[in-house]
Protein backbone atom coordinates (compact mmCIF):
# COMPACT_ATOMS: atom_id res chain seq x y z
CA MET A 1 153.70 89.33 64.15
CA CYS A 2 150.72 90.82 65.99
CA GLY A 3 148.03 88.51 67.29
CA ILE A 4 144.26 88.99 67.49
CA VAL A 5 141.85 87.19 69.80
CA GLY A 6 138.16 88.02 70.12
CA GLY A 7 134.72 86.58 70.64
CA ALA A 8 131.08 86.94 71.68
CA GLY A 9 129.14 84.59 73.92
CA LYS A 10 129.03 83.08 77.38
CA VAL A 11 132.56 82.07 78.28
CA ASP A 12 135.18 83.10 80.77
CA PHE A 13 136.44 85.96 78.62
CA ARG A 14 139.31 86.84 80.91
CA SER A 15 140.79 83.36 80.60
CA TYR A 16 140.00 83.14 76.89
CA LEU A 17 141.52 86.49 75.95
CA ILE A 18 144.66 86.30 78.06
CA GLY A 19 145.13 82.58 77.46
CA GLY A 20 144.60 83.11 73.74
CA LEU A 21 147.24 85.83 73.62
CA LYS A 22 149.69 83.54 75.38
CA THR A 23 149.22 80.93 72.65
CA LEU A 24 149.97 83.61 70.04
CA ASP A 25 152.99 85.18 71.70
CA TYR A 26 155.31 83.09 69.51
CA ARG A 27 154.36 85.46 66.70
CA GLY A 28 156.40 88.23 68.33
CA TYR A 29 155.19 91.36 70.13
CA ASP A 30 156.21 94.25 72.36
CA SER A 31 152.90 95.23 74.03
CA ALA A 32 149.53 93.69 74.80
CA GLY A 33 146.00 94.78 75.59
CA LEU A 34 142.37 93.76 75.82
CA ALA A 35 138.88 95.25 75.96
CA TYR A 36 135.64 93.62 77.05
CA ARG A 37 131.99 94.58 77.25
CA LYS A 38 130.15 94.10 80.51
CA ASP A 39 126.76 95.61 81.45
CA GLY A 40 126.85 97.68 78.27
CA LYS A 41 130.20 99.31 79.11
CA VAL A 42 133.56 98.75 77.41
CA ASN A 43 136.52 98.20 79.76
CA LEU A 44 140.05 98.65 78.41
CA PHE A 45 143.48 97.53 79.69
CA LYS A 46 146.81 97.60 77.86
CA THR A 47 150.51 97.77 78.61
CA VAL A 48 154.00 97.57 77.20
CA GLY A 49 155.65 94.24 77.90
CA LYS A 50 154.45 90.67 78.14
CA VAL A 51 151.01 89.14 78.29
CA GLU A 52 151.86 88.29 81.88
CA ASP A 53 152.06 92.04 82.58
CA LEU A 54 148.62 92.49 81.03
CA ASP A 55 147.35 89.65 83.20
CA ASN A 56 148.67 91.45 86.29
CA ILE A 57 146.93 94.76 85.55
CA THR A 58 143.60 93.30 84.40
CA PRO A 59 141.10 92.87 87.26
CA LYS A 60 139.05 89.75 87.71
CA PHE A 61 135.76 89.99 85.85
CA THR A 62 132.82 87.76 85.00
CA ASP A 63 129.68 88.00 82.88
CA ALA A 64 131.36 89.79 79.98
CA THR A 65 129.48 89.26 76.72
CA MET A 66 132.22 90.18 74.28
CA GLY A 67 135.95 90.81 74.19
CA ILE A 68 138.94 91.59 71.98
CA ALA A 69 142.65 91.29 72.71
CA HIS A 70 145.91 91.93 70.89
CA THR A 71 149.67 91.53 70.98
CA ARG A 72 151.40 94.34 69.07
CA TRP A 73 154.68 94.35 67.17
CA ALA A 74 155.46 98.01 66.62
CA THR A 75 155.40 99.34 63.05
CA HIS A 76 154.07 102.89 63.50
CA GLY A 77 155.07 104.49 66.78
CA GLU A 78 157.33 103.19 69.52
CA PRO A 79 156.22 100.48 71.94
CA SER A 80 154.24 102.29 74.67
CA ASP A 81 151.10 101.98 76.73
CA THR A 82 149.45 104.59 74.53
CA ASN A 83 150.38 102.94 71.25
CA ALA A 84 149.36 99.48 72.45
CA HIS A 85 146.07 97.99 71.20
CA PRO A 86 143.09 98.05 71.52
CA HIS A 87 142.61 101.56 70.14
CA PHE A 88 139.48 103.67 70.29
CA SER A 89 138.01 106.50 68.24
CA MET A 90 137.92 110.09 69.44
CA HIS A 91 134.33 109.84 70.74
CA ARG A 92 134.83 106.24 71.87
CA LYS A 93 132.17 104.92 69.54
CA VAL A 94 134.65 102.33 68.21
CA TYR A 95 137.20 100.04 69.89
CA LEU A 96 139.34 97.79 67.75
CA VAL A 97 142.47 95.70 67.36
CA HIS A 98 144.34 95.59 64.08
CA ASN A 99 146.97 93.43 62.43
CA GLY A 100 148.53 94.89 59.29
CA VAL A 101 149.77 98.21 57.91
CA VAL A 102 147.73 101.14 56.57
CA GLU A 103 149.92 102.44 53.77
CA ASN A 104 148.00 105.71 53.25
CA PHE A 105 147.49 106.46 56.94
CA ARG A 106 149.16 109.89 56.73
CA ALA A 107 146.77 111.13 54.07
CA LEU A 108 143.79 109.70 55.93
CA ARG A 109 145.01 111.16 59.20
CA THR A 110 145.34 114.62 57.61
CA LYS A 111 141.81 114.40 56.21
CA LEU A 112 140.39 113.31 59.57
CA LYS A 113 142.17 116.16 61.35
CA PHE A 114 140.63 118.59 58.86
CA ASN A 115 137.24 117.11 59.81
CA GLY A 116 137.90 117.78 63.48
CA TYR A 117 139.36 114.50 64.67
CA GLU A 118 142.19 114.52 67.20
CA PHE A 119 144.75 111.75 67.65
CA VAL A 120 146.45 110.52 70.81
CA THR A 121 148.72 107.80 69.35
CA GLN A 122 151.37 107.51 66.66
CA THR A 123 149.75 104.45 65.14
CA ASP A 124 148.09 103.82 61.81
CA THR A 125 145.43 101.80 63.64
CA GLU A 126 143.90 104.88 65.29
CA VAL A 127 143.15 106.14 61.78
CA ILE A 128 140.95 103.08 61.15
CA ALA A 129 139.12 103.61 64.44
CA ASN A 130 138.34 107.24 63.62
CA LEU A 131 137.37 106.44 60.04
CA LEU A 132 134.93 103.81 61.27
CA GLU A 133 133.43 106.23 63.78
CA GLU A 134 133.11 108.99 61.19
CA GLN A 135 131.38 106.72 58.69
CA TYR A 136 129.18 105.05 61.32
CA LEU A 137 127.91 108.41 62.57
CA LEU A 138 127.28 109.46 58.97
CA LEU A 139 125.72 106.27 57.56
CA LYS A 140 124.02 104.96 60.74
CA ASP A 141 124.84 101.38 59.68
CA PRO A 142 127.91 99.40 60.84
CA PHE A 143 128.10 97.26 57.70
CA LYS A 144 127.95 100.28 55.40
CA ALA A 145 130.54 102.06 57.53
CA ILE A 146 132.94 99.12 57.36
CA GLU A 147 132.35 98.66 53.63
CA LYS A 148 133.17 102.33 53.06
CA VAL A 149 136.33 102.20 55.17
CA ILE A 150 137.59 99.15 53.26
CA THR A 151 137.46 101.21 50.07
CA MET A 152 139.38 104.06 51.74
CA VAL A 153 142.20 102.10 53.34
CA GLU A 154 145.23 101.08 51.31
CA GLY A 155 147.34 98.27 52.75
CA SER A 156 146.63 95.25 54.90
CA PHE A 157 144.33 94.75 57.85
CA ALA A 158 142.59 92.21 60.00
CA CYS A 159 140.41 94.01 62.53
CA ALA A 160 138.16 92.93 65.37
CA ILE A 161 135.78 95.83 66.02
CA MET A 162 133.50 96.74 68.91
CA PHE A 163 130.95 99.52 68.41
CA SER A 164 130.16 100.86 71.87
CA ASP A 165 126.39 100.90 71.27
CA LEU A 166 126.01 97.62 69.36
CA PRO A 167 125.85 94.04 70.75
CA GLU A 168 127.70 92.34 67.87
CA LEU A 169 131.45 91.93 67.40
CA TYR A 170 132.44 93.07 63.91
CA PHE A 171 135.44 92.33 61.71
CA MET A 172 137.06 93.18 58.39
CA LYS A 173 140.00 91.62 56.60
CA ARG A 174 142.52 92.15 53.80
CA GLN A 175 145.76 90.13 53.47
CA SER A 176 146.40 89.76 57.21
CA PRO A 177 145.15 86.44 58.62
CA LEU A 178 141.80 86.16 60.38
CA LEU A 179 139.81 83.04 61.24
CA ILE A 180 136.27 82.72 62.62
CA GLY A 181 135.57 79.89 65.06
CA LEU A 182 132.07 78.55 65.73
CA GLY A 183 131.47 77.04 69.16
CA LYS A 184 128.74 75.80 71.47
CA ASP A 185 128.95 78.71 73.92
CA GLY A 186 129.81 81.46 71.46
CA ASN A 187 131.50 82.46 68.25
CA PHE A 188 135.08 83.64 68.13
CA MET A 189 137.84 85.10 65.96
CA ALA A 190 141.63 85.01 66.04
CA SER A 191 144.74 85.28 63.88
CA ASP A 192 144.93 81.49 63.79
CA ALA A 193 143.05 78.54 65.24
CA VAL A 194 145.24 77.90 68.28
CA PRO A 195 143.44 80.23 70.75
CA MET A 196 140.05 78.82 69.73
CA MET A 197 140.77 75.09 69.58
CA LYS A 198 139.23 74.30 72.98
CA LEU A 199 136.07 76.29 72.26
CA CYS A 200 135.36 75.65 68.57
CA ASP A 201 134.73 72.66 66.35
CA LYS A 202 134.22 74.51 63.06
CA PHE A 203 136.22 77.29 61.41
CA ILE A 204 135.61 79.84 58.66
CA GLU A 205 138.39 81.44 56.63
CA VAL A 206 137.60 85.13 56.14
CA GLU A 207 137.89 86.16 52.48
CA GLU A 208 139.88 89.11 51.16
CA ASP A 209 138.07 92.46 51.52
CA SER A 210 135.19 90.81 53.33
CA TYR A 211 133.63 91.81 56.63
CA GLY A 212 130.87 90.81 58.98
CA CYS A 213 129.91 90.23 62.58
CA ILE A 214 129.42 87.50 65.15
CA THR A 215 127.19 87.07 68.20
CA GLN A 216 126.92 84.18 70.60
CA ASN A 217 124.72 82.18 68.21
CA THR A 218 125.01 83.85 64.79
CA TYR A 219 127.44 85.09 62.21
CA VAL A 220 127.20 87.23 59.09
CA LEU A 221 129.72 87.37 56.24
CA MET A 222 129.60 90.26 53.76
CA LYS A 223 131.49 91.44 50.68
CA ASN A 224 130.68 94.39 48.41
CA GLY A 225 127.41 94.94 50.21
CA GLN A 226 126.17 91.37 49.70
CA GLU A 227 126.01 88.48 52.13
CA ILE A 228 128.31 85.62 51.12
CA GLN A 229 128.53 81.96 52.01
CA PRO A 230 131.22 80.82 54.45
CA ASN A 231 134.36 79.01 53.40
CA PHE A 232 134.69 76.33 56.08
CA VAL A 233 138.19 75.02 56.74
CA VAL A 234 139.61 72.17 58.78
CA ARG A 235 141.94 72.77 61.69
CA LYS A 236 143.29 69.59 63.23
CA ALA A 237 144.29 69.52 66.88
CA GLU A 238 147.68 67.97 66.10
CA GLU A 239 148.46 70.93 63.86
CA CYS A 240 147.80 73.31 66.75
CA THR A 241 149.43 71.56 69.70
CA PHE A 242 150.94 74.21 71.94
CA ASP A 243 152.82 72.17 74.50
CA LYS A 244 156.55 71.79 74.96
CA GLY A 245 156.18 68.77 77.23
CA ASP A 246 159.29 68.13 79.28
CA TYR A 247 161.51 70.26 77.08
CA PRO A 248 162.91 73.52 78.52
CA HIS A 249 162.34 75.33 75.22
CA PHE A 250 160.16 74.91 72.15
CA MET A 251 163.22 75.24 69.91
CA LEU A 252 164.86 72.16 71.40
CA LYS A 253 161.61 70.21 71.12
CA GLU A 254 161.16 71.26 67.51
CA ILE A 255 164.74 70.37 66.53
CA GLU A 256 164.18 66.89 67.87
CA GLU A 257 160.83 66.52 66.11
CA GLY A 258 162.70 66.69 62.78
CA PRO A 259 162.91 62.93 62.13
CA LYS A 260 159.23 62.46 62.99
CA VAL A 261 158.27 65.28 60.62
CA ILE A 262 160.21 63.74 57.74
CA LYS A 263 158.64 60.33 58.43
CA ARG A 264 155.21 61.99 58.37
CA LEU A 265 156.00 63.53 54.99
CA LEU A 266 156.85 60.11 53.59
CA ASP A 267 153.66 58.70 55.10
CA ASN A 268 151.58 61.36 53.39
CA TYR A 269 153.27 61.43 49.97
CA TYR A 270 154.68 57.92 49.45
CA ASP A 271 152.56 54.76 49.57
CA GLY A 272 155.42 52.28 49.75
CA THR A 273 155.84 51.85 46.02
CA SER A 274 155.35 55.29 44.45
CA PHE A 275 154.80 58.93 45.24
CA THR A 276 151.22 60.11 45.61
CA PHE A 277 151.58 63.74 44.50
CA ASP A 278 148.80 65.07 42.30
CA PRO A 279 149.94 64.09 38.77
CA LYS A 280 149.09 67.62 37.63
CA ILE A 281 151.80 68.99 39.97
CA ILE A 282 154.43 66.70 38.48
CA GLU A 283 153.25 67.50 34.97
CA CYS A 284 153.41 71.22 35.75
CA ILE A 285 157.03 70.95 36.92
CA LYS A 286 158.03 68.86 33.91
CA GLU A 287 156.43 71.23 31.41
CA ALA A 288 157.83 74.44 32.91
CA ASP A 289 160.73 76.06 31.07
CA ASP A 290 161.70 77.94 34.25
CA VAL A 291 161.03 76.97 37.86
CA VAL A 292 161.13 80.10 40.02
CA PHE A 293 161.27 79.87 43.82
CA LEU A 294 160.02 82.72 46.01
CA ALA A 295 160.54 82.76 49.76
CA CYS A 296 161.94 84.69 52.74
CA GLY A 297 164.44 83.92 55.50
CA THR A 298 164.88 80.24 56.30
CA SER A 299 162.41 79.28 53.58
CA TYR A 300 164.56 81.16 51.07
CA TYR A 301 167.62 79.17 52.10
CA ALA A 302 165.61 75.97 51.70
CA SER A 303 164.58 77.14 48.23
CA LEU A 304 168.24 77.51 47.19
CA LEU A 305 168.53 73.74 47.57
CA GLY A 306 165.37 73.44 45.49
CA VAL A 307 167.09 75.36 42.69
CA GLU A 308 169.90 72.81 42.70
CA PHE A 309 167.36 69.97 42.67
CA MET A 310 165.69 71.49 39.59
CA HIS A 311 169.10 71.79 37.92
CA TYR A 312 169.50 68.05 38.54
CA LEU A 313 166.31 67.60 36.50
CA GLY A 314 167.83 69.70 33.72
CA LYS A 315 165.54 72.62 34.49
CA ARG A 316 166.36 76.28 34.38
CA SER A 317 165.70 77.52 37.90
CA GLU A 318 166.41 80.40 40.24
CA SER A 319 165.24 81.70 43.61
CA TYR A 320 164.32 85.23 44.64
CA ILE A 321 163.80 86.87 48.00
CA ALA A 322 160.07 87.57 48.02
CA SER A 323 160.37 91.03 49.54
CA GLU A 324 162.47 92.07 46.53
CA TRP A 325 160.56 90.24 43.80
CA ALA A 326 157.28 91.72 45.05
CA TYR A 327 158.56 95.16 44.01
CA TYR A 328 160.67 94.09 41.04
CA PRO A 329 158.91 91.11 39.45
CA ASN A 330 160.29 89.67 36.27
CA LEU A 331 158.95 87.12 33.83
CA THR A 332 161.69 85.86 31.55
CA ALA A 333 160.25 82.57 30.34
CA LYS A 334 157.29 81.57 28.19
CA ASN A 335 156.06 78.87 30.57
CA PRO A 336 157.29 79.59 34.10
CA LEU A 337 156.23 77.79 37.24
CA PHE A 338 156.46 79.50 40.62
CA ILE A 339 157.05 77.58 43.85
CA LEU A 340 156.20 79.63 46.93
CA ILE A 341 157.57 78.42 50.27
CA SER A 342 156.29 79.71 53.62
CA GLN A 343 155.99 78.04 57.01
CA SER A 344 153.03 80.20 58.04
CA GLY A 345 151.44 80.67 54.64
CA GLU A 346 150.76 84.27 55.67
CA THR A 347 154.07 85.94 54.77
CA ALA A 348 153.04 89.37 53.49
CA ASP A 349 155.84 89.70 50.93
CA LEU A 350 155.00 86.31 49.47
CA ILE A 351 151.29 87.13 49.35
CA ALA A 352 152.14 90.20 47.28
CA CYS A 353 154.18 88.03 44.90
CA GLN A 354 151.38 85.50 44.60
CA LYS A 355 148.86 88.20 43.74
CA TYR A 356 151.06 89.36 40.84
CA ILE A 357 151.51 85.76 39.68
CA ASN A 358 147.79 85.02 39.83
CA ASP A 359 146.89 88.32 38.14
CA ASN A 360 149.09 87.19 35.25
CA GLY A 361 147.42 83.79 35.09
CA LEU A 362 150.57 81.83 35.94
CA PRO A 363 150.72 78.51 37.82
CA ASN A 364 152.13 78.39 41.33
CA ILE A 365 152.69 75.70 43.93
CA ALA A 366 152.46 76.64 47.61
CA ILE A 367 154.58 74.65 50.03
CA THR A 368 153.42 75.57 53.52
CA ASN A 369 152.93 74.21 56.99
CA THR A 370 149.55 75.89 57.46
CA ARG A 371 146.40 74.41 55.98
CA GLY A 372 143.95 77.04 54.77
CA SER A 373 146.43 79.93 54.97
CA THR A 374 146.28 82.74 52.41
CA ILE A 375 149.09 81.35 50.26
CA TYR A 376 147.64 77.84 50.54
CA ARG A 377 144.17 78.97 49.42
CA ASN A 378 145.31 81.13 46.53
CA ALA A 379 147.76 78.67 44.98
CA THR A 380 147.16 76.63 41.86
CA PHE A 381 148.39 73.64 43.86
CA ALA A 382 149.19 73.39 47.57
CA LEU A 383 151.42 70.94 49.42
CA LEU A 384 151.31 70.68 53.20
CA LEU A 385 154.45 70.03 55.24
CA TYR A 386 152.65 68.31 58.14
CA ALA A 387 155.31 69.59 60.54
CA GLY A 388 152.86 70.55 63.28
CA LEU A 389 152.81 73.90 65.02
CA GLU A 390 156.25 75.54 65.14
CA VAL A 391 156.35 77.90 68.11
CA ALA A 392 159.98 78.99 68.45
CA VAL A 393 160.71 82.02 66.29
CA ALA A 394 163.82 80.38 64.82
CA ALA A 395 162.63 77.87 62.23
CA THR A 396 164.03 74.36 62.63
CA LYS A 397 161.81 71.40 61.78
CA SER A 398 160.05 73.42 59.06
CA TYR A 399 163.38 73.82 57.22
CA ASN A 400 163.93 70.07 57.35
CA ALA A 401 160.42 69.51 56.03
CA GLN A 402 160.78 72.05 53.22
CA VAL A 403 164.02 70.58 51.87
CA THR A 404 162.65 67.05 52.18
CA MET A 405 159.50 68.05 50.30
CA LEU A 406 161.61 69.51 47.48
CA ALA A 407 163.75 66.36 47.36
CA MET A 408 160.62 64.20 47.17
CA LEU A 409 159.19 66.30 44.33
CA THR A 410 162.49 65.93 42.48
CA SER A 411 162.44 62.16 42.91
CA ALA A 412 158.84 62.02 41.74
CA CYS A 413 159.72 64.04 38.62
CA SER A 414 162.69 61.83 37.81
CA SER A 415 160.67 58.66 38.45
CA THR A 416 163.37 57.26 40.70
CA GLU A 417 162.69 55.54 43.99
CA HIS A 418 166.22 55.73 45.37
CA GLY A 419 165.29 59.17 46.67
CA VAL A 420 163.15 57.52 49.35
CA ARG A 421 166.07 55.35 50.47
CA ASN A 422 168.21 58.46 50.70
CA ILE A 423 165.58 60.24 52.79
CA ARG A 424 165.38 57.30 55.18
CA LYS A 425 169.15 57.51 55.61
CA LEU A 426 168.70 61.22 56.26
CA ILE A 427 166.34 60.40 59.12
CA GLU A 428 168.94 58.04 60.62
CA ALA A 429 171.65 60.69 60.31
CA ILE A 430 169.54 63.32 62.07
CA GLU A 431 168.66 60.88 64.84
CA ASP A 432 172.39 60.23 65.31
CA VAL A 433 173.03 63.97 65.72
CA ILE A 434 170.22 64.15 68.27
CA ASN A 435 171.74 61.30 70.24
CA ARG A 436 175.11 63.11 70.30
CA LYS A 437 173.87 66.61 71.02
CA ASP A 438 175.97 66.80 74.20
CA GLU A 439 179.08 66.90 72.03
CA ILE A 440 177.67 69.95 70.25
CA HIS A 441 176.92 71.53 73.61
CA GLU A 442 180.60 71.27 74.54
CA LEU A 443 181.59 72.94 71.28
CA ALA A 444 179.07 75.70 71.89
CA LYS A 445 180.67 76.55 75.23
CA LYS A 446 183.82 77.57 73.36
CA MET A 447 181.96 80.16 71.28
CA THR A 448 179.88 82.08 73.81
CA GLN A 449 182.27 85.05 73.96
CA ALA A 450 182.54 85.45 70.21
CA LYS A 451 181.44 88.69 68.60
CA ASP A 452 181.70 87.30 65.06
CA ALA A 453 181.53 83.82 63.57
CA PHE A 454 181.78 82.37 60.09
CA PHE A 455 180.34 79.24 58.48
CA VAL A 456 182.19 78.01 55.41
CA GLY A 457 181.35 75.32 52.88
CA ARG A 458 181.39 74.38 49.22
CA GLY A 459 178.63 73.03 47.03
CA TYR A 460 175.54 72.10 49.02
CA ASP A 461 177.46 72.85 52.21
CA SER A 462 177.70 76.52 51.20
CA LEU A 463 173.89 76.58 51.19
CA ALA A 464 173.73 74.85 54.56
CA ALA A 465 176.18 77.45 55.88
CA LEU A 466 173.71 80.23 55.07
CA GLU A 467 171.03 78.73 57.29
CA CYS A 468 173.49 77.87 60.07
CA ALA A 469 174.70 81.48 60.16
CA LEU A 470 171.12 82.76 60.24
CA LYS A 471 170.31 80.56 63.24
CA LEU A 472 173.34 81.80 65.19
CA LYS A 473 172.43 85.41 64.44
CA GLU A 474 168.78 84.97 65.34
CA ILE A 475 169.05 83.55 68.82
CA SER A 476 172.60 84.13 70.10
CA TYR A 477 172.97 87.70 68.77
CA ILE A 478 176.44 86.84 67.47
CA HIS A 479 177.21 88.42 64.13
CA ALA A 480 177.53 85.42 61.83
CA GLU A 481 178.18 85.17 58.11
CA SER A 482 178.53 82.34 55.63
CA TYR A 483 180.82 82.05 52.64
CA ALA A 484 181.61 79.61 49.90
CA GLY A 485 185.16 78.44 50.60
CA GLY A 486 186.63 79.80 47.40
CA GLU A 487 185.28 83.30 48.08
CA LEU A 488 187.22 83.82 51.30
CA LYS A 489 190.36 85.08 49.58
CA HIS A 490 188.28 87.57 47.58
CA GLY A 491 187.66 89.82 50.56
CA PRO A 492 186.10 88.16 53.63
CA ILE A 493 189.46 86.84 54.88
CA ALA A 494 190.22 90.44 55.91
CA LEU A 495 187.64 90.03 58.69
CA ILE A 496 189.47 87.16 60.36
CA GLU A 497 191.03 88.03 63.72
CA LYS A 498 192.70 85.92 66.37
CA GLY A 499 190.09 83.77 68.06
CA THR A 500 187.35 84.23 65.42
CA PRO A 501 185.35 80.98 65.31
CA VAL A 502 185.02 79.48 61.82
CA ILE A 503 182.87 76.40 61.34
CA GLY A 504 183.79 74.43 58.25
CA LEU A 505 181.22 72.04 56.73
CA VAL A 506 182.66 69.09 54.77
CA SER A 507 180.18 66.70 53.15
CA ASP A 508 181.26 66.16 49.55
CA SER A 509 184.42 64.33 48.44
CA ILE A 510 184.57 66.48 45.29
CA SER A 511 185.40 69.66 47.22
CA ALA A 512 186.57 68.33 50.60
CA ALA A 513 190.29 68.87 49.99
CA ALA A 514 189.75 72.38 48.62
CA LEU A 515 187.60 73.35 51.58
CA ARG A 516 190.15 72.04 54.06
CA ASN A 517 192.81 74.14 52.32
CA ASN A 518 190.58 77.19 52.71
CA LEU A 519 190.22 76.47 56.42
CA GLU A 520 193.97 76.18 56.84
CA GLU A 521 194.37 79.65 55.33
CA LEU A 522 192.02 80.95 58.02
CA ARG A 523 193.76 79.01 60.76
CA SER A 524 197.09 80.59 59.79
CA ARG A 525 195.50 83.99 60.35
CA GLY A 526 194.42 83.18 63.89
CA ALA A 527 190.91 81.79 63.40
CA ASP A 528 189.62 79.06 65.70
CA ILE A 529 188.63 76.34 63.24
CA TYR A 530 185.89 73.79 63.92
CA VAL A 531 185.43 71.14 61.23
CA ILE A 532 182.12 69.30 60.89
CA SER A 533 182.55 66.47 58.39
CA THR A 534 180.73 63.36 57.27
CA GLU A 535 181.84 59.99 58.59
CA SER A 536 183.60 58.89 55.39
CA LEU A 537 185.50 62.19 55.18
CA PHE A 538 186.28 62.42 58.90
CA ASP A 539 189.77 63.36 59.98
CA LYS A 540 190.90 62.68 63.54
CA LYS A 541 191.43 66.42 64.03
CA ASP A 542 187.82 67.19 63.09
CA ASP A 543 185.46 68.32 65.82
CA PHE A 544 182.26 66.48 64.90
CA TYR A 545 181.02 64.12 62.21
CA THR A 546 177.63 63.22 60.83
CA LYS A 547 176.57 59.96 59.26
CA ASP A 548 177.01 59.65 55.51
CA VAL A 549 174.08 60.63 53.33
CA LYS A 550 173.94 61.91 49.78
CA PRO A 551 175.53 65.39 49.54
CA TYR A 552 172.25 67.01 48.50
CA LEU A 553 170.69 65.85 51.79
CA ALA A 554 173.84 66.20 53.89
CA ALA A 555 173.06 69.92 53.96
CA VAL A 556 170.01 69.16 56.12
CA VAL A 557 172.09 67.19 58.63
CA LYS A 558 174.64 70.01 58.82
CA VAL A 559 171.83 72.48 59.43
CA VAL A 560 170.55 70.34 62.31
CA PHE A 561 174.07 70.58 63.76
CA GLY A 562 173.85 74.37 63.28
CA GLN A 563 170.47 74.48 65.00
CA TYR A 564 171.87 72.70 68.05
CA LEU A 565 174.99 74.86 68.07
CA SER A 566 172.93 78.04 68.03
CA TYR A 567 170.61 76.69 70.70
CA TYR A 568 173.41 75.80 73.10
CA VAL A 569 175.35 79.04 72.54
CA SER A 570 172.18 80.95 73.37
CA LEU A 571 171.50 78.70 76.34
CA GLU A 572 174.98 79.36 77.75
CA LYS A 573 174.46 83.09 77.30
CA GLY A 574 171.12 82.99 79.12
CA LEU A 575 169.16 84.49 76.23
CA PRO A 576 165.41 84.14 75.44
CA ILE A 577 165.77 81.25 72.99
CA ASP A 578 162.19 80.89 71.80
CA LYS A 579 161.53 84.62 71.48
CA PRO A 580 164.68 86.46 70.35
CA ARG A 581 164.54 90.23 70.40
CA ASN A 582 163.04 92.22 67.52
CA LEU A 583 161.86 89.10 65.66
CA ALA A 584 158.42 87.75 64.85
CA LYS A 585 157.43 84.24 63.85
CA SER A 586 154.93 85.19 61.18
CA VAL A 587 155.87 88.30 59.22
CA THR A 588 152.47 89.59 58.13
CA VAL A 589 153.54 93.10 57.08
CA GLN A 590 155.80 94.11 54.19
């Protein structure tokens, strides 16, 4: 959600800015723009639409000394050329790009209008530009101006700032991600490392409420009026690979990277005889009297499996949607442990939760795919998923990694090694689904005209059904819901019409017969039933089977089926699979 690229130095800024935005477009956006300084003048270009549209309207230029660029996901004001970034102050003393939300922008806007400032956009970002100009003209010092504005703005921001009469590129940051890259031919900044990987060999994580500037050869980091030391972080090339190879879509590539990701997790956390988790993490889980999961979207559905895993350990456990818990936190145990799950590590709702947790001195474990992210840095303990860059908006391999990580932690806490054998069988089962994806494609062709669809399961399958329904909604735009089998007769069965596709997931012998009875009730009311069972529970009338694994991991295999189904339905409908409408990969605003 929103992407920032900027830098100062001697590079081909046109290629860097536009190429950098293209590497960030997986985050989601509806407009794009850039500004660069050449011969002491700032040049500005922006447009609604894709980065390719920006590329088309931006003239060729060389010898620029500085530049900033941005992809915007609208929060304040409709997508338009005017509302697109970069924005500038009334007297054009300041040009900037901004990721985040200014919560008190209306009050600040009113005050600025009283002081004579006029506004041309509907955005909260223009408020920051005018505040910076006002304070810069008053204080005659860019650092003091930025420091003052930080105290005035409520909300989140990562800003790359050009003062029209100064040679440095400035920045300020709170909550929204911002990384500084140090290179041979210049210094750079971006929302993540991907745009800078070819130019930089060292990275600095910008602290909360800090600010500073970069030039070609120097950088300054400030906080509360004092210069601070940099926090250098590692960004590995394999974590930032932005290449779909021979695949037509990133989503398909990332589905099929699932087995490799799980193998990598085992390589990093299991030495062949025992798990290698920090003993303090295992001790923390064992000593907790309540294990609370916090997450959003796909990560939340992964956490629901984690709750069941904790119940297996005899632990009290529950999961909350982070966007709700952030506003309505509750502490109902004497010794709680919080497990925060986020692919990006920059989920704004989860960051708000973590701040409350840390302010109360409580332990938390971050499970994330992004080294050095905000949630990673601020956690008591952090566990990396090693899934590699996930570009498609719809999460796939990261879900597999999250559930596997939770299963591994459970095995480590119970001191049992059979969990590793089960995970290896999981890998084989996923590989089998990959090898038979054409069968799923044929099933998908039968569902392309559906307006509604339902996924039904019991036990762990009911949790898998939640994620399968989310995937179908996200990329095929088919309204999809999931239900536990026994709940159908308590209301949802009223929604069944002739031809409504219902996908039944059958993985556990305990509830298989009951679930099949539920499906027959739906069939008798005109639903088109598709049964996805495990090999040992397969009936000749079923539509697809997956290899047998333990029920608690069978949910992952069923979700891989759901990922493929959603992919192929979307493919048949000709939809933008990697970038579905209205969605962003990294949700960095609340």
